[in-house]
Protein backbone atom coordinates (compact mmCIF):
# COMPACT_ATOMS: atom_id res chain seq x y z
CA MET A 1 0.00 0.00 0.00
CA SER A 2 1.21 3.49 -0.83
CA PHE A 3 2.52 5.30 2.23
CA LEU A 4 1.13 8.55 0.81
CA THR A 5 -2.41 7.38 1.61
CA GLN A 6 -1.43 7.63 5.29
CA VAL A 7 -0.33 11.28 5.06
CA THR A 8 -2.31 14.52 5.37
CA PRO A 9 -0.58 17.78 4.41
CA LEU A 10 -1.10 20.64 6.89
CA ILE A 11 -0.35 24.15 5.62
CA LEU A 12 -0.41 27.50 7.45
CA THR A 13 -1.23 30.63 5.46
CA PHE A 14 -1.44 34.39 5.74
CA ASP A 15 -1.56 36.48 2.56
CA GLU A 16 0.19 33.74 0.58
CA ALA A 17 -1.44 34.26 -2.82
CA PRO A 18 1.98 34.34 -4.57
CA ASN A 19 2.84 30.90 -3.14
CA ILE A 20 -0.18 28.76 -2.21
CA ALA A 21 -1.20 27.58 -5.69
CA ARG A 22 2.31 26.26 -6.44
CA CYS A 23 2.42 24.52 -3.07
CA LEU A 24 -0.95 22.82 -3.66
CA GLU A 25 -0.04 21.75 -7.20
CA ARG A 26 2.65 19.47 -5.77
CA LEU A 27 0.14 17.72 -3.51
CA ASP A 28 -2.09 16.10 -6.13
CA TRP A 29 -1.52 12.74 -4.38
CA ALA A 30 -3.26 13.88 -1.17
CA ALA A 31 -6.89 12.93 -0.56
CA ASP A 32 -7.20 15.55 2.20
CA ILE A 33 -5.27 18.82 2.56
CA VAL A 34 -5.79 21.00 5.64
CA VAL A 35 -5.08 24.73 5.32
CA LEU A 36 -5.19 26.89 8.46
CA ASP A 37 -5.36 30.56 7.53
CA SER A 38 -4.69 33.49 9.87
CA GLY A 39 -7.16 35.87 8.21
CA SER A 40 -5.67 36.59 4.81
CA THR A 41 -6.73 39.77 3.02
CA ASP A 42 -5.53 38.72 -0.44
CA ALA A 43 -6.69 35.86 -2.68
CA THR A 44 -5.26 33.09 -0.49
CA GLN A 45 -8.61 31.85 0.85
CA ALA A 46 -10.25 31.99 -2.58
CA ILE A 47 -7.45 29.89 -4.09
CA CYS A 48 -7.80 27.33 -1.32
CA ARG A 49 -11.61 27.14 -1.59
CA ALA A 50 -11.29 26.47 -5.32
CA HIS A 51 -9.15 23.38 -4.65
CA PRO A 52 -11.35 20.25 -4.46
CA ARG A 53 -9.37 18.51 -1.69
CA VAL A 54 -8.60 21.47 0.59
CA ARG A 55 -10.41 21.89 3.91
CA LEU A 56 -9.93 25.54 4.90
CA PHE A 57 -9.95 26.74 8.52
CA VAL A 58 -9.48 30.30 9.78
CA ARG A 59 -8.01 31.20 13.17
CA PRO A 60 -6.51 34.52 14.38
CA PHE A 61 -2.76 34.24 14.71
CA ASP A 62 -1.12 34.36 18.16
CA ASP A 63 2.17 32.54 17.68
CA HIS A 64 3.51 29.93 15.29
CA ALA A 65 3.55 27.00 17.70
CA SER A 66 -0.04 27.58 18.86
CA GLN A 67 -1.25 27.92 15.28
CA TRP A 68 0.44 24.70 14.18
CA ASN A 69 -0.79 22.76 17.20
CA TYR A 70 -4.34 23.96 16.58
CA GLY A 71 -4.06 22.64 13.05
CA LEU A 72 -2.87 19.29 14.34
CA GLU A 73 -5.48 18.92 17.06
CA GLN A 74 -8.62 20.80 15.99
CA THR A 75 -9.09 20.24 12.25
CA GLY A 76 -10.06 16.58 12.16
CA ILE A 77 -6.90 15.14 10.62
CA ALA A 78 -7.51 11.39 10.55
CA THR A 79 -4.40 9.90 8.92
CA PRO A 80 -1.59 8.49 11.09
CA TRP A 81 1.02 10.79 9.51
CA VAL A 82 1.13 14.57 8.88
CA LEU A 83 3.23 16.60 6.45
CA GLY A 84 3.65 20.11 7.89
CA LEU A 85 4.33 22.62 5.12
CA ASP A 86 4.94 26.34 4.88
CA CYS A 87 3.33 27.88 1.80
CA ASP A 88 6.71 28.51 0.20
CA TYR A 89 7.61 24.79 0.36
CA MET A 90 7.25 22.67 -2.76
CA VAL A 91 7.37 18.89 -2.48
CA THR A 92 9.51 17.67 -5.37
CA VAL A 93 8.67 14.65 -7.52
CA GLU A 94 11.74 12.88 -6.07
CA ALA A 95 10.61 13.56 -2.48
CA THR A 96 7.08 12.37 -3.27
CA ARG A 97 8.45 9.10 -4.67
CA GLU A 98 10.68 8.60 -1.64
CA ILE A 99 7.84 9.20 0.83
CA ASP A 100 5.55 6.91 -1.16
CA VAL A 101 7.70 3.84 -0.46
CA LEU A 102 8.52 4.51 3.20
CA THR A 103 8.02 1.63 5.62
CA PRO A 104 8.77 3.21 9.01
CA SER A 105 9.14 1.03 12.08
CA GLN A 106 7.04 1.83 15.14
CA ASP A 107 9.93 3.61 16.85
CA ILE A 108 10.15 6.25 14.08
CA GLY A 109 8.34 9.43 15.09
CA GLY A 110 9.30 11.62 12.15
CA TYR A 111 11.72 12.44 9.35
CA TRP A 112 14.19 15.25 8.85
CA THR A 113 13.56 16.89 5.48
CA PRO A 114 16.39 18.60 3.54
CA PHE A 115 15.83 21.70 1.40
CA ARG A 116 17.15 23.43 -1.69
CA TYR A 117 16.66 27.20 -1.67
CA ALA A 118 15.28 28.95 -4.75
CA MET A 119 14.83 32.56 -5.82
CA LEU A 120 11.87 32.97 -8.18
CA GLY A 121 12.26 29.42 -9.43
CA ARG A 122 16.08 29.37 -9.72
CA ILE A 123 17.75 26.84 -7.43
CA LEU A 124 20.71 28.34 -5.56
CA ARG A 125 23.90 26.59 -4.52
CA SER A 126 24.29 29.10 -1.68
CA GLY A 127 21.08 28.37 0.25
CA ILE A 128 21.54 27.60 3.95
CA TYR A 129 17.95 26.67 4.82
CA PRO A 130 18.24 24.02 7.56
CA PRO A 131 16.47 20.62 7.55
CA VAL A 132 13.18 20.46 9.45
CA ILE A 133 10.99 17.64 10.72
CA ALA A 134 8.20 18.10 8.19
CA LEU A 135 6.87 14.52 8.07
CA PHE A 136 5.86 13.09 11.44
CA ARG A 137 3.57 10.61 13.10
CA ARG A 138 0.35 12.23 14.34
CA GLY A 139 0.23 12.10 18.13
CA ALA A 140 3.98 11.58 18.42
CA GLY A 141 4.94 15.22 18.03
CA ARG A 142 4.04 18.75 19.05
CA TYR A 143 5.26 22.15 17.91
CA VAL A 144 7.17 24.37 20.34
CA GLN A 145 8.06 28.03 19.85
CA ASP A 146 11.72 28.63 19.02
CA GLY A 147 12.65 32.27 18.53
CA HIS A 148 10.73 33.73 15.61
CA THR A 149 9.44 30.38 14.40
CA GLN A 150 8.60 26.89 15.63
CA ARG A 151 10.17 23.47 15.72
CA MET A 152 8.69 20.01 15.91
CA ALA A 153 9.44 18.02 19.07
CA VAL A 154 8.97 14.32 18.29
CA ASP A 155 8.69 11.32 20.57
CA GLY A 156 10.78 8.50 19.16
CA ALA A 157 13.57 8.18 16.63
CA VAL A 158 13.85 10.58 13.70
CA GLY A 159 14.85 9.31 10.27
CA ARG A 160 16.13 11.31 7.32
CA LEU A 161 14.74 11.79 3.86
CA ARG A 162 17.29 12.06 1.08
CA ALA A 163 15.32 13.94 -1.59
CA PRO A 164 15.01 17.67 -0.83
CA PHE A 165 11.96 19.91 -0.83
CA ILE A 166 12.23 23.33 -2.50
CA HIS A 167 11.92 26.60 -0.55
CA ASP A 168 10.81 29.34 -2.98
CA ASP A 169 9.09 32.35 -1.41
CA ARG A 170 7.71 34.76 -4.02
CA LYS A 171 6.03 37.31 -1.77
CA PRO A 172 7.07 40.96 -2.41
CA PHE A 173 10.38 42.22 -1.02
CA SER A 174 8.54 44.79 1.12
CA ARG A 175 6.70 41.94 2.88
CA TRP A 176 10.02 40.17 3.47
CA VAL A 177 11.49 43.30 5.10
CA ARG A 178 8.50 43.75 7.44
CA SER A 179 8.66 40.10 8.43
CA GLN A 180 12.38 40.24 9.18
CA ILE A 181 11.97 43.19 11.52
CA ALA A 182 9.40 41.26 13.55
CA TYR A 183 11.50 38.07 13.44
CA ALA A 184 14.61 39.93 14.61
CA ARG A 185 12.91 41.07 17.81
CA LEU A 186 11.76 37.52 18.60
CA GLU A 187 15.22 36.11 17.92
CA ALA A 188 16.79 38.83 20.08
CA ASP A 189 14.42 37.98 22.93
CA LYS A 190 15.53 34.35 22.60
CA LEU A 191 19.20 35.37 22.78
CA VAL A 192 18.55 37.54 25.84
CA ALA A 193 16.71 34.74 27.62
CA ALA A 194 19.37 32.10 26.95
CA PRO A 195 22.55 33.18 25.11
CA PRO A 196 23.49 30.29 22.82
CA SER A 197 26.77 28.42 22.75
CA GLY A 198 28.78 27.87 19.61
CA PHE A 199 30.51 30.16 17.15
CA ARG A 200 27.36 31.63 15.61
CA GLY A 201 25.91 32.53 19.00
CA TRP A 202 29.25 34.04 20.04
CA LEU A 203 29.29 36.21 16.92
CA ARG A 204 25.72 37.37 17.43
CA THR A 205 26.01 38.29 21.10
CA ARG A 206 29.64 39.37 21.54
CA THR A 207 30.74 40.94 18.25
CA PRO A 208 29.26 43.09 15.45
CA PHE A 209 30.58 40.74 12.78
CA ALA A 210 27.79 38.19 12.35
CA VAL A 211 26.42 40.11 9.37
CA PHE A 212 29.75 39.93 7.53
CA SER A 213 30.37 36.28 8.35
CA VAL A 214 27.04 35.12 6.92
CA GLY A 215 27.63 37.20 3.79
CA PHE A 216 31.09 35.69 3.32
CA TYR A 217 29.73 32.19 3.91
CA CYS A 218 26.81 32.49 1.47
CA LEU A 219 28.58 34.42 -1.29
CA ILE A 220 32.11 32.98 -1.12
CA VAL A 221 32.14 29.64 0.73
CA ARG A 222 28.81 28.45 -0.72
CA GLY A 223 29.46 30.02 -4.12
CA GLY A 224 26.57 32.49 -4.17
CA LEU A 225 28.58 34.88 -6.31
CA PHE A 226 28.24 32.34 -9.14
CA ASP A 227 24.47 32.06 -8.73
CA GLY A 228 23.96 35.40 -10.45
CA PRO A 229 21.46 38.04 -9.25
CA GLY A 230 19.44 35.46 -7.30
CA GLY A 231 22.49 34.41 -5.31
CA TRP A 232 23.53 38.02 -4.74
CA LEU A 233 20.06 38.91 -3.49
CA TYR A 234 20.00 35.88 -1.22
CA GLY A 235 23.38 36.80 0.28
CA LEU A 236 22.21 40.37 0.88
CA GLN A 237 18.99 39.13 2.47
CA ARG A 238 20.91 36.88 4.86
CA MET A 239 23.16 39.81 5.79
CA ILE A 240 20.18 42.09 6.39
CA ALA A 241 18.41 39.47 8.50
CA GLU A 242 21.54 38.78 10.57
CA GLY A 243 22.19 42.50 10.99
CA LEU A 244 18.64 43.10 12.24
CA ILE A 245 19.00 40.30 14.81
CA SER A 246 22.32 41.69 16.05
CA ALA A 247 20.90 45.22 16.20
CA ALA A 248 17.80 44.08 18.10
CA TYR A 249 19.97 42.14 20.55
CA LEU A 250 22.29 45.11 21.16
CA ASP A 251 19.30 47.41 21.57
CA SER A 252 17.87 45.11 24.26
CA LYS A 253 21.26 44.87 25.96
CA LEU A 254 21.71 48.65 26.07
CA ARG A 255 18.19 49.24 27.35
CA ARG A 256 18.71 46.73 30.16
CA ALA A 257 21.88 48.57 31.15
CA ILE A 258 20.07 51.89 31.71
CA SER A 259 19.66 52.65 35.38
CA PRO A 260 16.06 53.06 36.64
CA ALA A 261 16.74 56.75 37.32
CA ASP A 262 17.65 57.34 33.67
CA ARG A 263 14.68 55.55 32.14
């Protein structure tokens, strides 16, 4: 029996008209697709309602983990496995074939999923999007908030898929900038609460050089300079995002250092 018949895709949306149709097109194998929208004001909901296998739910957004867990627990997902997808994820043909023939043992609670990063359809060699646990056994995992986003905490062993998904976000650049400002504050709050170990955490919290290191890594070490304009834009975006996080962290640090009399 095809393993895909045991999987329900779960997708979160908010003003994702530039992405949602492409995401859904790659899920033609799914008998049931759950979309949880946060109150989109663009064509996102209309696109979802036009899809014959989408069940659309709307819930005001509070935080990522709560939204994902609501989707898991309150939308009537009946299959034993769930595929959690952002709207800018595309499940490749190779990944679909790999998932289709999975035969997980009972101790497997989920699978790490690798990614290739794309800019407007062009796959980049310089992408540094980390693997996530996108495919997991329903009831064996729960989302927890982690900085600006969420991560899946799974009971049991975690396997690894070999075939990558594609990350290709086509929302306007202005939307990306607004999102990064909000994300930077959440990431800074995480750093303030528990400064991380490791070289990246050291750069972020003790030097002003994180922005330059990520630019060097993406453009030189990963070869983004040879990706053309898409790779250059990606490198600049990573530098901007890292710079905003460092700035938000330093801002919090300076404000905490102000004496009560000077506030």
